[in-house]
Full PDB file with SEQRES, HELIX, SHEET, SSBOND, CRYST1, ORIGX, SCALE, CONECT and MASTER records, all heavy atoms in Angstrom:
SEQRES   1 A   34  HIS PHE GLY ILE CYS TRP THR PRO ILE VAL LYS HIS SER          
SEQRES   2 A   34  ALA TYR ALA GLN VAL GLY VAL ASP HIS PRO LEU ALA GLN          
SEQRES   3 A   34  LYS GLY SER VAL TYR LEU ALA ASP                              
CRYST1    1.000    1.000    1.000  90.00  90.00  90.00 P 1           1          
ORIGX1      1.000000  0.000000  0.000000        0.00000                         
ORIGX2      0.000000  1.000000  0.000000        0.00000                         
ORIGX3      0.000000  0.000000  1.000000        0.00000                         
SCALE1      1.000000  0.000000  0.000000        0.00000                         
SCALE2      0.000000  1.000000  0.000000        0.00000                         
SCALE3      0.000000  0.000000  1.000000        0.00000                         
ATOM      1  N   HIS A   1       3.778   9.724  19.388  1.00  0.00           N  
ATOM      2  CA  HIS A   1       3.905   9.743  20.678  1.00  0.00           C  
ATOM      3  C   HIS A   1       5.220  10.231  21.019  1.00  0.00           C  
ATOM      4  O   HIS A   1       5.546  10.966  21.979  1.00  0.00           O  
ATOM      5  CB  HIS A   1       3.623   8.429  21.459  1.00  0.00           C  
ATOM      6  CG  HIS A   1       3.908   8.566  22.929  1.00  0.00           C  
ATOM      7  ND1 HIS A   1       3.045   9.198  23.866  1.00  0.00           N  
ATOM      8  CD2 HIS A   1       4.975   7.974  23.713  1.00  0.00           C  
ATOM      9  CE1 HIS A   1       3.650   9.090  25.135  1.00  0.00           C  
ATOM     10  NE2 HIS A   1       4.533   8.190  25.014  1.00  0.00           N  
ATOM     11  N   PHE A   2       6.223   9.708  20.351  1.00  0.00           N  
ATOM     12  CA  PHE A   2       7.804  10.162  20.523  1.00  0.00           C  
ATOM     13  C   PHE A   2       8.078  11.416  19.841  1.00  0.00           C  
ATOM     14  O   PHE A   2       9.315  11.814  20.013  1.00  0.00           O  
ATOM     15  CB  PHE A   2       8.562   9.018  20.025  1.00  0.00           C  
ATOM     16  CG  PHE A   2       8.625   7.761  21.019  1.00  0.00           C  
ATOM     17  CD1 PHE A   2       9.227   6.636  20.479  1.00  0.00           C  
ATOM     18  CD2 PHE A   2       8.227   7.877  22.293  1.00  0.00           C  
ATOM     19  CE1 PHE A   2       9.278   5.517  21.414  1.00  0.00           C  
ATOM     20  CE2 PHE A   2       8.242   6.747  23.171  1.00  0.00           C  
ATOM     21  CZ  PHE A   2       8.798   5.580  22.627  1.00  0.00           C  
ATOM     22  N   GLY A   3       7.245  12.032  19.108  1.00  0.00           N  
ATOM     23  CA  GLY A   3       7.602  13.294  18.451  1.00  0.00           C  
ATOM     24  C   GLY A   3       8.448  12.930  17.220  1.00  0.00           C  
ATOM     25  O   GLY A   3       9.407  13.802  16.894  1.00  0.00           O  
ATOM     26  N   ILE A   4       8.198  11.883  16.591  1.00  0.00           N  
ATOM     27  CA  ILE A   4       8.867  11.477  15.382  1.00  0.00           C  
ATOM     28  C   ILE A   4       8.051  11.783  14.089  1.00  0.00           C  
ATOM     29  O   ILE A   4       6.847  11.360  14.014  1.00  0.00           O  
ATOM     30  CB  ILE A   4       9.276  10.038  15.435  1.00  0.00           C  
ATOM     31  CG1 ILE A   4      10.285   9.771  16.592  1.00  0.00           C  
ATOM     32  CG2 ILE A   4       9.802   9.473  14.129  1.00  0.00           C  
ATOM     33  CD1 ILE A   4      10.626   8.355  16.890  1.00  0.00           C  
ATOM     34  N   CYS A   5       8.550  12.337  13.039  1.00  0.00           N  
ATOM     35  CA  CYS A   5       7.951  12.708  11.864  1.00  0.00           C  
ATOM     36  C   CYS A   5       7.851  11.306  11.000  1.00  0.00           C  
ATOM     37  O   CYS A   5       8.767  10.624  10.886  1.00  0.00           O  
ATOM     38  CB  CYS A   5       8.750  13.753  11.115  1.00  0.00           C  
ATOM     39  SG  CYS A   5       8.002  14.130   9.453  1.00  0.00           S  
ATOM     40  N   TRP A   6       6.695  11.073  10.439  1.00  0.00           N  
ATOM     41  CA  TRP A   6       6.355   9.947   9.722  1.00  0.00           C  
ATOM     42  C   TRP A   6       6.033  10.246   8.275  1.00  0.00           C  
ATOM     43  O   TRP A   6       5.091  11.009   7.985  1.00  0.00           O  
ATOM     44  CB  TRP A   6       5.150   9.148  10.388  1.00  0.00           C  
ATOM     45  CG  TRP A   6       4.662   8.063   9.653  1.00  0.00           C  
ATOM     46  CD1 TRP A   6       3.919   7.967   8.645  1.00  0.00           C  
ATOM     47  CD2 TRP A   6       4.723   6.605  10.162  1.00  0.00           C  
ATOM     48  NE1 TRP A   6       3.467   6.568   8.293  1.00  0.00           N  
ATOM     49  CE2 TRP A   6       3.955   5.754   9.189  1.00  0.00           C  
ATOM     50  CE3 TRP A   6       5.436   6.016  11.262  1.00  0.00           C  
ATOM     51  CZ2 TRP A   6       4.073   4.465   9.386  1.00  0.00           C  
ATOM     52  CZ3 TRP A   6       5.366   4.755  11.432  1.00  0.00           C  
ATOM     53  CH2 TRP A   6       4.724   3.849  10.455  1.00  0.00           C  
ATOM     54  N   THR A   7       6.890   9.901   7.327  1.00  0.00           N  
ATOM     55  CA  THR A   7       6.814  10.225   5.902  1.00  0.00           C  
ATOM     56  C   THR A   7       6.699   9.107   4.970  1.00  0.00           C  
ATOM     57  O   THR A   7       7.780   8.549   4.791  1.00  0.00           O  
ATOM     58  CB  THR A   7       7.932  11.207   5.395  1.00  0.00           C  
ATOM     59  OG1 THR A   7       8.033  12.314   6.254  1.00  0.00           O  
ATOM     60  CG2 THR A   7       7.576  11.682   4.033  1.00  0.00           C  
ATOM     61  N   PRO A   8       5.501   8.637   4.629  1.00  0.00           N  
ATOM     62  CA  PRO A   8       5.461   7.566   3.597  1.00  0.00           C  
ATOM     63  C   PRO A   8       6.212   7.776   2.342  1.00  0.00           C  
ATOM     64  O   PRO A   8       6.178   8.956   1.888  1.00  0.00           O  
ATOM     65  CB  PRO A   8       3.936   7.375   3.397  1.00  0.00           C  
ATOM     66  CG  PRO A   8       3.215   8.142   4.540  1.00  0.00           C  
ATOM     67  CD  PRO A   8       4.235   9.225   4.882  1.00  0.00           C  
ATOM     68  N   ILE A   9       6.851   6.729   1.782  1.00  0.00           N  
ATOM     69  CA  ILE A   9       7.543   6.932   0.508  1.00  0.00           C  
ATOM     70  C   ILE A   9       6.943   6.221  -0.489  1.00  0.00           C  
ATOM     71  O   ILE A   9       6.660   6.781  -1.712  1.00  0.00           O  
ATOM     72  CB  ILE A   9       9.007   6.473   0.712  1.00  0.00           C  
ATOM     73  CG1 ILE A   9       9.799   7.245   1.796  1.00  0.00           C  
ATOM     74  CG2 ILE A   9       9.780   6.452  -0.655  1.00  0.00           C  
ATOM     75  CD1 ILE A   9      11.208   6.940   1.980  1.00  0.00           C  
ATOM     76  N   VAL A  10       6.628   4.915  -0.404  1.00  0.00           N  
ATOM     77  CA  VAL A  10       5.973   4.098  -1.534  1.00  0.00           C  
ATOM     78  C   VAL A  10       5.179   2.922  -0.843  1.00  0.00           C  
ATOM     79  O   VAL A  10       5.610   2.483   0.230  1.00  0.00           O  
ATOM     80  CB  VAL A  10       6.927   3.777  -2.486  1.00  0.00           C  
ATOM     81  CG1 VAL A  10       7.972   2.844  -1.861  1.00  0.00           C  
ATOM     82  CG2 VAL A  10       6.292   3.170  -3.755  1.00  0.00           C  
ATOM     83  N   LYS A  11       4.217   2.421  -1.523  1.00  0.00           N  
ATOM     84  CA  LYS A  11       3.524   1.129  -1.111  1.00  0.00           C  
ATOM     85  C   LYS A  11       3.770   0.110  -2.184  1.00  0.00           C  
ATOM     86  O   LYS A  11       3.703   0.355  -3.297  1.00  0.00           O  
ATOM     87  CB  LYS A  11       2.148   1.370  -0.940  1.00  0.00           C  
ATOM     88  CG  LYS A  11       1.653   1.794   0.330  1.00  0.00           C  
ATOM     89  CD  LYS A  11       0.049   1.731   0.479  1.00  0.00           C  
ATOM     90  CE  LYS A  11      -0.379   1.953   1.975  1.00  0.00           C  
ATOM     91  NZ  LYS A  11      -1.779   1.925   2.070  1.00  0.00           N  
ATOM     92  N   HIS A  12       3.900  -1.155  -1.736  1.00  0.00           N  
ATOM     93  CA  HIS A  12       4.020  -2.311  -2.700  1.00  0.00           C  
ATOM     94  C   HIS A  12       3.313  -3.529  -2.100  1.00  0.00           C  
ATOM     95  O   HIS A  12       3.127  -3.727  -0.901  1.00  0.00           O  
ATOM     96  CB  HIS A  12       5.543  -2.591  -2.830  1.00  0.00           C  
ATOM     97  CG  HIS A  12       6.368  -1.684  -3.529  1.00  0.00           C  
ATOM     98  ND1 HIS A  12       6.247  -1.487  -4.940  1.00  0.00           N  
ATOM     99  CD2 HIS A  12       7.442  -0.757  -3.144  1.00  0.00           C  
ATOM    100  CE1 HIS A  12       7.038  -0.466  -5.363  1.00  0.00           C  
ATOM    101  NE2 HIS A  12       7.780  -0.210  -4.171  1.00  0.00           N  
ATOM    102  N   SER A  13       2.788  -4.417  -3.042  1.00  0.00           N  
ATOM    103  CA  SER A  13       2.128  -5.504  -2.663  1.00  0.00           C  
ATOM    104  C   SER A  13       3.000  -6.703  -2.043  1.00  0.00           C  
ATOM    105  O   SER A  13       4.289  -6.697  -2.324  1.00  0.00           O  
ATOM    106  CB  SER A  13       1.381  -6.160  -3.968  1.00  0.00           C  
ATOM    107  OG  SER A  13       0.512  -5.162  -4.367  1.00  0.00           O  
ATOM    108  N   ALA A  14       2.534  -7.443  -1.288  1.00  0.00           N  
ATOM    109  CA  ALA A  14       3.244  -8.523  -0.790  1.00  0.00           C  
ATOM    110  C   ALA A  14       3.281  -9.711  -1.690  1.00  0.00           C  
ATOM    111  O   ALA A  14       2.339 -10.091  -2.393  1.00  0.00           O  
ATOM    112  CB  ALA A  14       2.667  -8.999   0.572  1.00  0.00           C  
ATOM    113  N   TYR A  15       4.577 -10.395  -1.826  1.00  0.00           N  
ATOM    114  CA  TYR A  15       4.896 -11.551  -2.721  1.00  0.00           C  
ATOM    115  C   TYR A  15       5.295 -12.657  -1.893  1.00  0.00           C  
ATOM    116  O   TYR A  15       5.903 -12.548  -0.938  1.00  0.00           O  
ATOM    117  CB  TYR A  15       5.755 -11.243  -3.830  1.00  0.00           C  
ATOM    118  CG  TYR A  15       5.337 -10.322  -4.968  1.00  0.00           C  
ATOM    119  CD1 TYR A  15       4.825  -9.059  -4.818  1.00  0.00           C  
ATOM    120  CD2 TYR A  15       5.230 -11.012  -6.270  1.00  0.00           C  
ATOM    121  CE1 TYR A  15       4.385  -8.404  -5.886  1.00  0.00           C  
ATOM    122  CE2 TYR A  15       4.855 -10.165  -7.298  1.00  0.00           C  
ATOM    123  CZ  TYR A  15       4.333  -9.063  -7.088  1.00  0.00           C  
ATOM    124  OH  TYR A  15       3.775  -8.297  -8.236  1.00  0.00           O  
ATOM    125  N   ALA A  16       5.101 -13.981  -2.374  1.00  0.00           N  
ATOM    126  CA  ALA A  16       5.695 -15.112  -1.830  1.00  0.00           C  
ATOM    127  C   ALA A  16       7.081 -15.354  -2.515  1.00  0.00           C  
ATOM    128  O   ALA A  16       6.911 -15.386  -3.808  1.00  0.00           O  
ATOM    129  CB  ALA A  16       4.707 -16.232  -1.966  1.00  0.00           C  
ATOM    130  N   GLN A  17       8.017 -15.500  -1.730  1.00  0.00           N  
ATOM    131  CA  GLN A  17       9.389 -15.731  -2.427  1.00  0.00           C  
ATOM    132  C   GLN A  17       9.717 -17.214  -2.125  1.00  0.00           C  
ATOM    133  O   GLN A  17       9.649 -17.735  -1.030  1.00  0.00           O  
ATOM    134  CB  GLN A  17      10.470 -14.849  -1.727  1.00  0.00           C  
ATOM    135  CG  GLN A  17      10.153 -13.461  -1.967  1.00  0.00           C  
ATOM    136  CD  GLN A  17      11.220 -12.584  -1.162  1.00  0.00           C  
ATOM    137  OE1 GLN A  17      12.316 -13.074  -0.785  1.00  0.00           O  
ATOM    138  NE2 GLN A  17      10.933 -11.278  -1.036  1.00  0.00           N  
ATOM    139  N   VAL A  18      10.043 -17.931  -3.290  1.00  0.00           N  
ATOM    140  CA  VAL A  18      10.341 -19.452  -3.167  1.00  0.00           C  
ATOM    141  C   VAL A  18      11.538 -19.689  -4.054  1.00  0.00           C  
ATOM    142  O   VAL A  18      11.837 -18.899  -5.028  1.00  0.00           O  
ATOM    143  CB  VAL A  18       9.162 -20.312  -3.451  1.00  0.00           C  
ATOM    144  CG1 VAL A  18       8.023 -20.022  -2.642  1.00  0.00           C  
ATOM    145  CG2 VAL A  18       8.799 -20.055  -5.111  1.00  0.00           C  
ATOM    146  N   GLY A  19      12.152 -20.800  -3.767  1.00  0.00           N  
ATOM    147  CA  GLY A  19      13.315 -21.162  -4.585  1.00  0.00           C  
ATOM    148  C   GLY A  19      12.831 -21.741  -5.947  1.00  0.00           C  
ATOM    149  O   GLY A  19      11.638 -22.157  -6.064  1.00  0.00           O  
ATOM    150  N   VAL A  20      13.754 -21.885  -6.950  1.00  0.00           N  
ATOM    151  CA  VAL A  20      13.346 -22.231  -8.188  1.00  0.00           C  
ATOM    152  C   VAL A  20      12.867 -23.745  -8.260  1.00  0.00           C  
ATOM    153  O   VAL A  20      12.206 -24.079  -9.206  1.00  0.00           O  
ATOM    154  CB  VAL A  20      14.487 -21.992  -9.244  1.00  0.00           C  
ATOM    155  CG1 VAL A  20      14.662 -20.434  -9.572  1.00  0.00           C  
ATOM    156  CG2 VAL A  20      15.825 -22.682  -8.764  1.00  0.00           C  
ATOM    157  N   ASP A  21      13.326 -24.489  -7.207  1.00  0.00           N  
ATOM    158  CA  ASP A  21      12.989 -25.806  -7.263  1.00  0.00           C  
ATOM    159  C   ASP A  21      11.711 -26.172  -6.353  1.00  0.00           C  
ATOM    160  O   ASP A  21      11.340 -27.294  -6.100  1.00  0.00           O  
ATOM    161  CB  ASP A  21      14.146 -26.711  -6.789  1.00  0.00           C  
ATOM    162  CG  ASP A  21      15.364 -26.733  -7.667  1.00  0.00           C  
ATOM    163  OD1 ASP A  21      15.051 -26.610  -8.956  1.00  0.00           O  
ATOM    164  OD2 ASP A  21      16.531 -26.743  -7.249  1.00  0.00           O  
ATOM    165  N   HIS A  22      11.224 -25.040  -5.799  1.00  0.00           N  
ATOM    166  CA  HIS A  22       9.931 -25.206  -5.008  1.00  0.00           C  
ATOM    167  C   HIS A  22       8.763 -25.750  -5.893  1.00  0.00           C  
ATOM    168  O   HIS A  22       8.611 -25.455  -7.127  1.00  0.00           O  
ATOM    169  CB  HIS A  22       9.614 -23.741  -4.405  1.00  0.00           C  
ATOM    170  CG  HIS A  22       8.619 -23.908  -3.201  1.00  0.00           C  
ATOM    171  ND1 HIS A  22       7.355 -24.206  -3.505  1.00  0.00           N  
ATOM    172  CD2 HIS A  22       8.792 -23.859  -1.922  1.00  0.00           C  
ATOM    173  CE1 HIS A  22       6.689 -24.165  -2.297  1.00  0.00           C  
ATOM    174  NE2 HIS A  22       7.586 -24.043  -1.253  1.00  0.00           N  
ATOM    175  N   PRO A  23       7.931 -26.643  -5.318  1.00  0.00           N  
ATOM    176  CA  PRO A  23       6.800 -27.170  -6.065  1.00  0.00           C  
ATOM    177  C   PRO A  23       5.793 -25.976  -6.529  1.00  0.00           C  
ATOM    178  O   PRO A  23       5.117 -26.327  -7.626  1.00  0.00           O  
ATOM    179  CB  PRO A  23       6.102 -27.929  -4.927  1.00  0.00           C  
ATOM    180  CG  PRO A  23       7.175 -28.409  -4.061  1.00  0.00           C  
ATOM    181  CD  PRO A  23       8.050 -27.194  -3.942  1.00  0.00           C  
ATOM    182  N   LEU A  24       5.874 -24.807  -6.005  1.00  0.00           N  
ATOM    183  CA  LEU A  24       5.045 -23.654  -6.484  1.00  0.00           C  
ATOM    184  C   LEU A  24       5.785 -22.896  -7.405  1.00  0.00           C  
ATOM    185  O   LEU A  24       5.150 -21.949  -7.880  1.00  0.00           O  
ATOM    186  CB  LEU A  24       4.490 -22.933  -5.391  1.00  0.00           C  
ATOM    187  CG  LEU A  24       3.713 -23.665  -4.135  1.00  0.00           C  
ATOM    188  CD1 LEU A  24       3.276 -22.736  -3.073  1.00  0.00           C  
ATOM    189  CD2 LEU A  24       2.419 -24.359  -4.938  1.00  0.00           C  
ATOM    190  N   ALA A  25       7.081 -23.035  -7.727  1.00  0.00           N  
ATOM    191  CA  ALA A  25       7.915 -22.036  -8.348  1.00  0.00           C  
ATOM    192  C   ALA A  25       7.313 -21.731  -9.689  1.00  0.00           C  
ATOM    193  O   ALA A  25       7.588 -20.653 -10.254  1.00  0.00           O  
ATOM    194  CB  ALA A  25       9.220 -22.587  -8.444  1.00  0.00           C  
ATOM    195  N   GLN A  26       6.614 -22.693 -10.472  1.00  0.00           N  
ATOM    196  CA  GLN A  26       6.226 -22.440 -11.771  1.00  0.00           C  
ATOM    197  C   GLN A  26       4.953 -21.870 -11.959  1.00  0.00           C  
ATOM    198  O   GLN A  26       4.423 -21.506 -12.964  1.00  0.00           O  
ATOM    199  CB  GLN A  26       6.220 -23.799 -12.629  1.00  0.00           C  
ATOM    200  CG  GLN A  26       7.663 -24.447 -12.661  1.00  0.00           C  
ATOM    201  CD  GLN A  26       8.744 -23.558 -12.966  1.00  0.00           C  
ATOM    202  OE1 GLN A  26       8.666 -22.750 -14.059  1.00  0.00           O  
ATOM    203  NE2 GLN A  26       9.847 -23.505 -12.251  1.00  0.00           N  
ATOM    204  N   LYS A  27       4.256 -21.557 -10.888  1.00  0.00           N  
ATOM    205  CA  LYS A  27       2.853 -20.950 -10.850  1.00  0.00           C  
ATOM    206  C   LYS A  27       2.979 -19.452 -11.153  1.00  0.00           C  
ATOM    207  O   LYS A  27       4.075 -18.804 -10.687  1.00  0.00           O  
ATOM    208  CB  LYS A  27       2.209 -21.149  -9.510  1.00  0.00           C  
ATOM    209  CG  LYS A  27       1.690 -22.454  -9.242  1.00  0.00           C  
ATOM    210  CD  LYS A  27       0.886 -22.566  -7.932  1.00  0.00           C  
ATOM    211  CE  LYS A  27       0.032 -23.820  -7.744  1.00  0.00           C  
ATOM    212  NZ  LYS A  27      -1.156 -23.858  -8.676  1.00  0.00           N  
ATOM    213  N   GLY A  28       2.138 -18.778 -11.800  1.00  0.00           N  
ATOM    214  CA  GLY A  28       2.151 -17.433 -12.012  1.00  0.00           C  
ATOM    215  C   GLY A  28       1.690 -16.615 -10.791  1.00  0.00           C  
ATOM    216  O   GLY A  28       2.102 -15.411 -10.576  1.00  0.00           O  
ATOM    217  N   SER A  29       0.949 -17.318  -9.963  1.00  0.00           N  
ATOM    218  CA  SER A  29       0.504 -16.604  -8.632  1.00  0.00           C  
ATOM    219  C   SER A  29       0.072 -17.677  -7.808  1.00  0.00           C  
ATOM    220  O   SER A  29      -0.027 -18.835  -8.185  1.00  0.00           O  
ATOM    221  CB  SER A  29      -0.649 -15.625  -8.828  1.00  0.00           C  
ATOM    222  OG  SER A  29      -1.797 -16.207  -9.374  1.00  0.00           O  
ATOM    223  N   VAL A  30      -0.079 -17.302  -6.487  1.00  0.00           N  
ATOM    224  CA  VAL A  30      -0.445 -18.350  -5.508  1.00  0.00           C  
ATOM    225  C   VAL A  30      -1.696 -17.808  -4.651  1.00  0.00           C  
ATOM    226  O   VAL A  30      -1.858 -16.680  -4.462  1.00  0.00           O  
ATOM    227  CB  VAL A  30       0.642 -18.818  -4.643  1.00  0.00           C  
ATOM    228  CG1 VAL A  30       1.649 -19.605  -5.400  1.00  0.00           C  
ATOM    229  CG2 VAL A  30       1.235 -17.564  -3.917  1.00  0.00           C  
ATOM    230  N   TYR A  31      -2.348 -18.674  -3.869  1.00  0.00           N  
ATOM    231  CA  TYR A  31      -3.202 -18.310  -2.984  1.00  0.00           C  
ATOM    232  C   TYR A  31      -2.611 -18.902  -1.558  1.00  0.00           C  
ATOM    233  O   TYR A  31      -1.735 -19.630  -1.442  1.00  0.00           O  
ATOM    234  CB  TYR A  31      -4.629 -19.035  -3.104  1.00  0.00           C  
ATOM    235  CG  TYR A  31      -5.298 -18.508  -4.129  1.00  0.00           C  
ATOM    236  CD1 TYR A  31      -5.042 -19.087  -5.442  1.00  0.00           C  
ATOM    237  CD2 TYR A  31      -6.267 -17.364  -4.150  1.00  0.00           C  
ATOM    238  CE1 TYR A  31      -5.772 -18.662  -6.600  1.00  0.00           C  
ATOM    239  CE2 TYR A  31      -7.000 -16.869  -5.284  1.00  0.00           C  
ATOM    240  CZ  TYR A  31      -6.732 -17.513  -6.480  1.00  0.00           C  
ATOM    241  OH  TYR A  31      -7.355 -17.017  -7.622  1.00  0.00           O  
ATOM    242  N   LEU A  32      -3.175 -18.291  -0.462  1.00  0.00           N  
ATOM    243  CA  LEU A  32      -2.666 -18.730   0.930  1.00  0.00           C  
ATOM    244  C   LEU A  32      -2.737 -20.192   1.127  1.00  0.00           C  
ATOM    245  O   LEU A  32      -1.973 -20.783   1.839  1.00  0.00           O  
ATOM    246  CB  LEU A  32      -3.442 -17.899   1.983  1.00  0.00           C  
ATOM    247  CG  LEU A  32      -3.115 -16.418   2.012  1.00  0.00           C  
ATOM    248  CD1 LEU A  32      -3.961 -15.798   3.087  1.00  0.00           C  
ATOM    249  CD2 LEU A  32      -1.640 -16.158   2.349  1.00  0.00           C  
ATOM    250  N   ALA A  33      -3.814 -20.825   0.549  1.00  0.00           N  
ATOM    251  CA  ALA A  33      -4.067 -22.274   0.763  1.00  0.00           C  
ATOM    252  C   ALA A  33      -2.889 -23.038   0.044  1.00  0.00           C  
ATOM    253  O   ALA A  33      -2.636 -24.131   0.476  1.00  0.00           O  
ATOM    254  CB  ALA A  33      -5.389 -22.574   0.124  1.00  0.00           C  
ATOM    255  N   ASP A  34      -2.373 -22.501  -1.056  1.00  0.00           N  
ATOM    256  CA  ASP A  34      -1.329 -23.128  -1.776  1.00  0.00           C  
ATOM    257  C   ASP A  34       0.022 -23.225  -0.901  1.00  0.00           C  
ATOM    258  O   ASP A  34       0.736 -24.100  -0.937  1.00  0.00           O  
ATOM    259  CB  ASP A  34      -0.996 -22.356  -3.029  1.00  0.00           C  
ATOM    260  CG  ASP A  34      -2.128 -22.482  -3.988  1.00  0.00           C  
ATOM    261  OD1 ASP A  34      -2.853 -23.423  -4.057  1.00  0.00           O  
ATOM    262  OD2 ASP A  34      -2.347 -21.440  -4.769  1.00  0.00           O  
TER     263      ASP A  34                                                      
MASTER        0    0    0    0    0    0    0    6  262    1    0    3          
END                                                                             
């Protein structure tokens, strides 16, 4: 609408970031319920 060019560069998956002392830190992956 504004006349702005839109150029995708790259896509990446979303990750959960937690501190090393977080209860989930040692898991290889998590679910939203976790």
